[in-house]
Amino acid sequence: MVQNEQAPTTVLWRPTGPEELELVRRSGWRSWPPRLPEQPIFYPVLNEEYAVKIAKEWNVPHHGVGYVTRFRVESEFLRRYPVQQAGGETILELWVPAEELDEFNAHLVGPIEVVHEFR
């Protein structure tokens, strides 16, 4: 008998601009695009409030619009990436090397969703 139990997942967020979001849309909302040469790390964040702050304070001034996305990744896979505290107590992110992004994408569960838009 085969059991169909889904592996536990972790919810992550990512603030993004319109160009990256368009590439996510083109993937069918299933993957993050490859990093540019000047982007050696992919930074998903661990809480929505931090993602909102970045979208408002960085994406809107630089792109005129900022989005916050939410997505799920297999929790067991994420164990390889220690949580990084990039400032205050709630400023938590994962640092995924660009060369591991394809493998990271393979462990996404469900679609990437836009949960906030700021202009």
Protein backbone atom coordinates (compact mmCIF):
# COMPACT_ATOMS: atom_id res chain seq x y z
CA MET A 1 0.00 0.00 0.00
CA VAL A 2 1.39 3.43 -0.99
CA GLN A 3 0.88 6.30 1.40
CA ASN A 4 0.45 9.76 -0.08
CA GLU A 5 1.65 11.93 2.77
CA GLN A 6 2.98 15.29 1.76
CA ALA A 7 6.28 16.27 3.36
CA PRO A 8 6.08 19.10 5.91
CA THR A 9 6.65 22.52 4.38
CA THR A 10 7.93 25.88 5.53
CA VAL A 11 6.33 29.13 4.37
CA LEU A 12 8.75 31.72 3.04
CA TRP A 13 8.29 35.20 1.61
CA ARG A 14 10.18 37.18 -0.97
CA PRO A 15 9.92 40.87 -1.76
CA THR A 16 10.35 41.39 -5.48
CA GLY A 17 10.14 43.93 -8.25
CA PRO A 18 8.21 43.76 -11.51
CA GLU A 19 10.99 42.22 -13.64
CA GLU A 20 11.56 39.25 -11.34
CA LEU A 21 7.82 38.80 -10.83
CA GLU A 22 7.29 38.63 -14.60
CA LEU A 23 9.85 35.81 -14.83
CA VAL A 24 8.07 33.98 -12.01
CA ARG A 25 4.77 34.41 -13.87
CA ARG A 26 6.34 32.98 -17.04
CA SER A 27 7.37 29.90 -15.03
CA GLY A 28 3.70 29.27 -14.26
CA TRP A 29 4.30 30.55 -10.71
CA ARG A 30 6.48 27.46 -10.05
CA SER A 31 10.08 28.71 -9.86
CA TRP A 32 12.43 31.58 -9.16
CA PRO A 33 14.53 32.79 -12.11
CA PRO A 34 18.30 32.33 -12.25
CA ARG A 35 20.29 35.01 -10.47
CA LEU A 36 22.11 37.70 -12.43
CA PRO A 37 25.94 37.70 -12.23
CA GLU A 38 25.82 40.44 -9.58
CA GLN A 39 23.35 38.36 -7.50
CA PRO A 40 25.32 35.41 -6.09
CA ILE A 41 22.71 34.68 -3.41
CA PHE A 42 18.91 34.20 -3.44
CA TYR A 43 17.40 35.64 -0.25
CA PRO A 44 13.96 34.36 0.79
CA VAL A 45 12.82 35.75 4.14
CA LEU A 46 11.17 34.04 7.09
CA ASN A 47 8.44 36.51 7.95
CA GLU A 48 5.90 38.56 6.11
CA GLU A 49 6.57 41.81 8.00
CA TYR A 50 10.22 41.86 6.91
CA ALA A 51 9.22 41.16 3.29
CA VAL A 52 6.69 44.02 3.39
CA LYS A 53 9.35 46.39 4.77
CA ILE A 54 11.76 45.55 1.94
CA ALA A 55 9.06 45.79 -0.74
CA LYS A 56 7.98 49.23 0.50
CA GLU A 57 11.41 50.67 1.31
CA TRP A 58 13.49 49.22 -1.53
CA ASN A 59 11.35 47.90 -4.41
CA VAL A 60 8.91 50.83 -4.57
CA PRO A 61 11.61 53.56 -4.68
CA HIS A 62 13.69 51.59 -7.22
CA HIS A 63 10.91 50.18 -9.44
CA GLY A 64 7.77 52.18 -8.66
CA VAL A 65 6.12 49.00 -7.42
CA GLY A 66 6.98 46.30 -4.92
CA TYR A 67 5.44 42.89 -4.42
CA VAL A 68 5.53 40.40 -1.59
CA THR A 69 5.29 36.77 -2.59
CA ARG A 70 4.59 33.75 -0.42
CA PHE A 71 5.65 30.19 -1.21
CA ARG A 72 6.28 26.86 0.46
CA VAL A 73 9.40 24.71 0.45
CA GLU A 74 9.96 21.22 1.84
CA SER A 75 11.14 21.78 5.41
CA GLU A 76 13.67 18.93 5.35
CA PHE A 77 15.40 20.42 2.30
CA LEU A 78 15.67 23.85 3.97
CA ARG A 79 17.74 22.43 6.84
CA ARG A 80 20.84 22.88 4.70
CA TYR A 81 20.44 26.68 4.90
CA PRO A 82 21.04 28.13 8.37
CA VAL A 83 18.77 31.03 9.28
CA GLN A 84 20.67 34.30 8.95
CA GLN A 85 19.82 37.24 11.19
CA ALA A 86 20.47 40.23 8.93
CA GLY A 87 19.73 42.90 11.52
CA GLY A 88 17.01 43.05 14.15
CA GLU A 89 15.32 40.14 15.85
CA THR A 90 12.75 39.64 13.07
CA ILE A 91 15.08 40.31 10.13
CA LEU A 92 15.60 36.67 9.24
CA GLU A 93 16.48 35.21 5.87
CA LEU A 94 17.99 32.21 4.15
CA TRP A 95 21.03 32.53 1.91
CA VAL A 96 20.69 30.20 -1.06
CA PRO A 97 23.74 30.22 -3.38
CA ALA A 98 22.75 31.05 -6.96
CA GLU A 99 24.15 27.76 -8.22
CA GLU A 100 21.70 25.88 -5.94
CA LEU A 101 18.58 27.74 -7.07
CA ASP A 102 17.46 25.05 -9.55
CA GLU A 103 17.56 22.47 -6.75
CA PHE A 104 15.79 24.90 -4.40
CA ASN A 105 13.05 25.37 -7.03
CA ALA A 106 12.67 21.58 -7.30
CA HIS A 107 11.65 21.54 -3.62
CA LEU A 108 8.93 24.20 -3.90
CA VAL A 109 5.49 22.87 -2.98
CA GLY A 110 2.61 24.55 -4.78
CA PRO A 111 2.64 27.89 -6.58
CA ILE A 112 4.38 31.14 -5.72
CA GLU A 113 1.65 33.62 -4.73
CA VAL A 114 1.57 37.42 -4.72
CA VAL A 115 0.15 38.47 -1.34
CA HIS A 116 0.88 42.25 -1.37
CA GLU A 117 1.44 44.99 -3.94
CA PHE A 118 2.72 48.46 -3.06
CA ARG A 119 3.06 51.53 -5.28
